[in-house]
Amino acid sequence: MDFNTLRALHIVSFVAWFAALFYLVRLFIYHVEALGKSEPERGILHAQFMIMERKLSLIIALPAMILTLVFGLWMLLPNWSDGMMYKKQPWMHMKLGFVVILLGYHHYCGIIRKKLAASKPVPSSKSLRVINEIATVLLVAIVFAPVTENMKVTGIATAIAAFLAVLTYILAGKSKQA
């Protein structure tokens, strides 16, 4: 398999992983809000959300994460001259640092899913909306690092994404109060 094929598979897996994470946290928000409803609606929705969250986590998010990591690490193996060159670049270290944070985020989503299934306390729907924005900021950072190959540009883009995420959260809160 050539380097560009690996890169394409890495990107496709990465897109699937992020799509799953975005949707998973959105399901958590709806799930938490459904828990505030009265029976029997609450029980029906709780059971349905548990099924949806479990399938999304195990059938889409987990395989996409594994494939993203496999293809990404494969590109860094010594048999690819581009991969060897990338390993030495500061932007690659920055990207890999954000990927480690993303792995922690994915793990945290798994903890929330299991707590919801066990009817244990989880963050409020408002807090989950903020948590969902973390993935957006990570997406910007992880994409900008290899595309620009510039740590300064990546840092600026990530800061702008974080600012916009906070601004969106503030404006969303104000619109609900109105």
Foldseek 3Di string as FASTA:
>chain_A
DDLVVLVVQLVVLVVQQLVLLLVLLVLLLVLLVLCPDDPPSSVVSLVVSLVVNVCSLPVTNVVSLVSNVVSVVVSLDPVHPVNVVLVPQPLSVQLVVLVVVVVVLSVVSVVSSVCSNVVHDDDHSLVSLLSSLSSVLSVQLNVCSVVVVDPVVSVVSSVVSNVVSVVVSVVVVVVVVD
